[in-house]
Amino acid sequence: MKKECYVKKCSVPVRIDADWGKPVWQDVEPIEVGTAHWPVQTEHLPNTQVKMQYDPENLYVIFRVRDRYVRAAATDIHGEVWKDSCVEFFFAPYGKAGTSYFNLEVNCCGVPLMQHHDGPRAGTCFLDVEQCRKIEIAASQGPIKNEITEPTIWTLEYRLPFEILKQYPEVEKPAAGVRWRGNFYKCADSSSHPHWMAWSVIDREQPDFHRPECFGVLKFI
């Protein structure tokens, strides 16, 4: 059975500062990104949680990761952020079934990569860099030249404006009763202890987050 979660409408705009403990997030139930896939180093499975809210113009997302072996080498938008300590949100913001989806991947120092796909690894295009700059991101870590090997807690928060999705006319903006499909991931492909964690289980033998058929359901209320 696919995972499901509810996403509440926030009563006030969320200040983007990567503060997991601030009042606006206190009543939001965390989503556990807790299923390990294709383990290479099974002794390191970082505890990863994410919370979401929305308003008429934005989606708000915050991650908290209890991590180790943390790296952040990518510093340019659309860089190889998945090789770093990275959290990812894949989502299909459409009211009807289909294979199109977006992926928004952000490393622990707040550098994003965002793409749209017509299908699994098909018809892929990067969103315009200037559009990506409109995603307000705050991170508790800066760039990390040398991997942090001791236990580290890091947080990442962003505001995703629906404006940058408007070139895709079938996108359905969140409102009470709207459902999106999506998945959340934690990875670090090139760390000394690589791992691949997911919220909704991916039934594949080889690493592949690009499986929209495995997405869970996001129910906006």
Protein backbone atom coordinates (compact mmCIF):
# COMPACT_ATOMS: atom_id res chain seq x y z
CA MET A 1 0.00 0.00 0.00
CA LYS A 2 1.32 3.47 -0.94
CA LYS A 3 2.16 5.94 1.81
CA GLU A 4 -0.22 8.85 2.44
CA CYS A 5 0.15 12.10 4.37
CA TYR A 6 -1.91 15.22 5.01
CA VAL A 7 -0.58 18.70 4.23
CA LYS A 8 -2.13 21.58 6.19
CA LYS A 9 -2.70 25.14 5.04
CA CYS A 10 -0.68 27.56 7.16
CA SER A 11 -2.35 30.56 8.76
CA VAL A 12 0.64 32.90 8.39
CA PRO A 13 3.57 33.05 5.92
CA VAL A 14 6.50 30.92 7.02
CA ARG A 15 9.79 32.72 7.67
CA ILE A 16 12.52 30.72 5.92
CA ASP A 17 15.41 30.32 8.37
CA ALA A 18 15.92 26.53 8.76
CA ASP A 19 14.62 26.63 12.35
CA TRP A 20 12.95 23.25 12.93
CA GLY A 21 11.72 24.32 16.36
CA LYS A 22 9.88 27.54 15.51
CA PRO A 23 6.17 27.77 16.44
CA VAL A 24 4.80 27.61 12.90
CA TRP A 25 6.01 23.98 12.59
CA GLN A 26 5.09 22.75 16.07
CA ASP A 27 1.65 21.38 15.17
CA VAL A 28 2.77 19.75 11.91
CA GLU A 29 3.30 15.99 12.02
CA PRO A 30 6.71 14.97 10.63
CA ILE A 31 7.00 12.57 7.72
CA GLU A 32 9.62 9.87 8.28
CA VAL A 33 12.04 9.29 5.40
CA GLY A 34 12.97 6.01 6.96
CA THR A 35 13.16 3.16 4.47
CA ALA A 36 16.68 2.19 3.42
CA HIS A 37 17.17 1.10 -0.20
CA TRP A 38 20.14 -0.61 -1.81
CA PRO A 39 22.38 -0.23 1.25
CA VAL A 40 26.11 0.01 0.70
CA GLN A 41 27.03 1.00 4.26
CA THR A 42 24.17 -0.32 6.37
CA GLU A 43 25.64 0.96 9.64
CA HIS A 44 24.85 4.54 8.59
CA LEU A 45 21.14 5.17 8.06
CA PRO A 46 20.49 8.83 8.91
CA ASN A 47 17.27 9.70 10.69
CA THR A 48 15.49 12.06 8.30
CA GLN A 49 12.20 13.88 8.86
CA VAL A 50 10.30 16.40 6.73
CA LYS A 51 7.33 18.69 7.36
CA MET A 52 5.17 20.52 4.81
CA GLN A 53 2.62 23.33 4.73
CA TYR A 54 1.13 25.50 1.99
CA ASP A 55 -0.60 28.79 1.34
CA PRO A 56 -2.26 30.05 -1.88
CA GLU A 57 1.07 30.93 -3.48
CA ASN A 58 3.75 28.71 -1.92
CA LEU A 59 4.70 25.31 -0.65
CA TYR A 60 6.82 25.30 2.52
CA VAL A 61 9.13 22.38 3.29
CA ILE A 62 11.57 21.77 6.14
CA PHE A 63 13.91 18.81 6.69
CA ARG A 64 15.84 17.73 9.76
CA VAL A 65 18.60 15.13 9.36
CA ARG A 66 20.53 13.39 12.14
CA ASP A 67 23.48 12.58 9.97
CA ARG A 68 27.15 11.67 9.83
CA TYR A 69 29.79 11.67 7.08
CA VAL A 70 28.35 14.94 5.80
CA ARG A 71 29.64 16.53 2.61
CA ALA A 72 28.60 19.52 0.46
CA ALA A 73 30.82 20.07 -2.58
CA ALA A 74 28.28 21.36 -5.13
CA THR A 75 27.88 25.15 -5.01
CA ASP A 76 26.14 25.93 -8.33
CA ILE A 77 22.44 25.58 -9.15
CA HIS A 78 21.85 22.31 -11.03
CA GLY A 79 25.18 20.95 -9.79
CA GLU A 80 25.70 17.35 -8.69
CA VAL A 81 23.94 17.86 -5.38
CA TRP A 82 22.86 14.20 -5.09
CA LYS A 83 26.49 13.26 -4.53
CA ASP A 84 26.47 15.42 -1.40
CA SER A 85 24.45 15.01 1.78
CA CYS A 86 21.16 15.74 0.08
CA VAL A 87 17.39 15.74 0.61
CA GLU A 88 15.03 15.41 -2.32
CA PHE A 89 11.34 16.01 -3.06
CA PHE A 90 9.91 14.35 -6.17
CA PHE A 91 6.32 15.34 -6.93
CA ALA A 92 3.57 15.03 -9.54
CA PRO A 93 1.30 18.06 -8.94
CA TYR A 94 -1.47 16.89 -11.20
CA GLY A 95 -5.07 16.01 -10.48
CA LYS A 96 -5.10 13.25 -13.06
CA ALA A 97 -2.92 10.17 -13.26
CA GLY A 98 0.15 10.35 -15.46
CA THR A 99 3.90 9.93 -15.54
CA SER A 100 5.05 13.59 -15.52
CA TYR A 101 6.79 14.83 -12.38
CA PHE A 102 9.31 17.28 -10.92
CA ASN A 103 12.36 16.62 -8.78
CA LEU A 104 13.75 19.23 -6.41
CA GLU A 105 17.05 18.13 -4.87
CA VAL A 106 18.91 20.33 -2.37
CA ASN A 107 22.21 19.59 -0.67
CA CYS A 108 22.80 20.37 3.00
CA CYS A 109 24.25 23.82 2.27
CA GLY A 110 21.15 24.87 0.30
CA VAL A 111 22.15 24.41 -3.35
CA PRO A 112 19.23 23.23 -5.51
CA LEU A 113 18.75 21.18 -8.64
CA MET A 114 15.27 21.12 -10.19
CA GLN A 115 13.98 19.29 -13.26
CA HIS A 116 10.74 18.36 -14.96
CA HIS A 117 10.24 14.94 -16.58
CA ASP A 118 7.58 13.72 -18.99
CA GLY A 119 8.16 10.21 -17.65
CA PRO A 120 10.77 8.21 -15.71
CA ARG A 121 14.04 9.75 -16.93
CA ALA A 122 12.25 10.78 -20.16
CA GLY A 123 11.69 14.23 -21.63
CA THR A 124 13.89 15.72 -18.92
CA CYS A 125 14.54 19.46 -18.74
CA PHE A 126 16.14 21.66 -16.10
CA LEU A 127 14.07 24.55 -14.85
CA ASP A 128 15.51 27.93 -15.74
CA VAL A 129 18.22 29.01 -13.29
CA GLU A 130 16.55 32.38 -12.70
CA GLN A 131 13.31 30.59 -11.84
CA CYS A 132 15.21 28.39 -9.39
CA ARG A 133 16.61 31.49 -7.70
CA LYS A 134 13.02 32.31 -6.71
CA ILE A 135 13.04 29.28 -4.38
CA GLU A 136 13.94 30.79 -1.03
CA ILE A 137 16.25 28.36 0.78
CA ALA A 138 17.86 28.43 4.22
CA ALA A 139 20.34 25.82 5.44
CA SER A 140 22.09 25.28 8.75
CA GLN A 141 25.30 24.21 6.98
CA GLY A 142 27.59 26.06 4.63
CA PRO A 143 29.74 24.43 1.94
CA ILE A 144 31.78 21.57 3.40
CA LYS A 145 35.23 21.05 1.89
CA ASN A 146 36.21 18.12 4.09
CA GLU A 147 33.62 15.53 5.08
CA ILE A 148 32.27 15.92 8.63
CA THR A 149 32.67 12.47 10.13
CA GLU A 150 31.18 13.05 13.58
CA PRO A 151 27.40 12.94 14.24
CA THR A 152 25.79 16.13 12.96
CA ILE A 153 22.22 17.44 12.91
CA TRP A 154 21.44 19.68 9.97
CA THR A 155 18.26 21.39 8.82
CA LEU A 156 17.08 22.75 5.50
CA GLU A 157 13.98 24.82 4.76
CA TYR A 158 12.57 26.26 1.55
CA ARG A 159 9.67 28.15 0.08
CA LEU A 160 8.68 26.85 -3.35
CA PRO A 161 6.54 29.47 -5.15
CA PHE A 162 3.91 27.99 -7.44
CA GLU A 163 4.77 30.79 -9.86
CA ILE A 164 7.77 28.86 -11.15
CA LEU A 165 5.52 25.96 -12.16
CA LYS A 166 3.11 28.07 -14.22
CA GLN A 167 4.73 27.12 -17.53
CA TYR A 168 3.23 23.68 -16.95
CA PRO A 169 -0.49 24.45 -17.36
CA GLU A 170 -1.81 21.18 -15.94
CA VAL A 171 -0.26 21.80 -12.51
CA GLU A 172 -2.97 21.87 -9.85
CA LYS A 173 -2.23 24.32 -7.03
CA PRO A 174 -2.79 22.99 -3.52
CA ALA A 175 -6.17 23.61 -1.91
CA ALA A 176 -8.45 21.62 0.34
CA GLY A 177 -9.24 18.34 -1.42
CA VAL A 178 -6.38 18.49 -3.93
CA ARG A 179 -4.06 15.50 -4.10
CA TRP A 180 -0.54 15.34 -5.41
CA ARG A 181 1.69 12.29 -5.68
CA GLY A 182 5.24 12.43 -4.42
CA ASN A 183 8.16 10.98 -2.54
CA PHE A 184 10.90 12.22 -0.21
CA TYR A 185 14.47 10.99 -0.26
CA LYS A 186 17.77 11.30 1.59
CA CYS A 187 20.97 10.33 -0.17
CA ALA A 188 24.71 10.97 -0.29
CA ASP A 189 26.00 9.10 -3.32
CA SER A 190 29.64 10.16 -3.03
CA SER A 191 30.08 10.32 0.72
CA SER A 192 32.32 7.80 2.45
CA HIS A 193 29.10 6.07 3.60
CA PRO A 194 26.64 6.28 0.70
CA HIS A 195 22.97 5.60 1.37
CA TRP A 196 19.53 5.93 -0.21
CA MET A 197 16.52 6.51 2.03
CA ALA A 198 12.88 7.01 1.00
CA TRP A 199 9.46 7.74 2.47
CA SER A 200 7.43 5.65 0.03
CA VAL A 201 9.04 2.30 -0.79
CA ILE A 202 10.64 1.82 -4.22
CA ASP A 203 10.34 -1.73 -5.47
CA ARG A 204 13.48 -1.88 -7.60
CA GLU A 205 16.69 -3.89 -7.30
CA GLN A 206 18.95 -1.03 -8.40
CA PRO A 207 19.07 2.57 -7.13
CA ASP A 208 16.45 4.65 -8.93
CA PHE A 209 14.44 7.43 -7.33
CA HIS A 210 12.77 8.25 -10.66
CA ARG A 211 9.83 5.87 -10.16
CA PRO A 212 6.58 7.91 -10.16
CA GLU A 213 4.56 4.70 -9.92
CA CYS A 214 5.99 4.30 -6.40
CA PHE A 215 5.09 7.81 -5.23
CA GLY A 216 2.92 8.23 -2.16
CA VAL A 217 -0.11 10.52 -1.90
CA LEU A 218 -0.05 14.08 -0.53
CA LYS A 219 -3.52 15.14 0.60
CA PHE A 220 -3.99 18.88 1.01
CA ILE A 221 -6.47 19.95 3.67
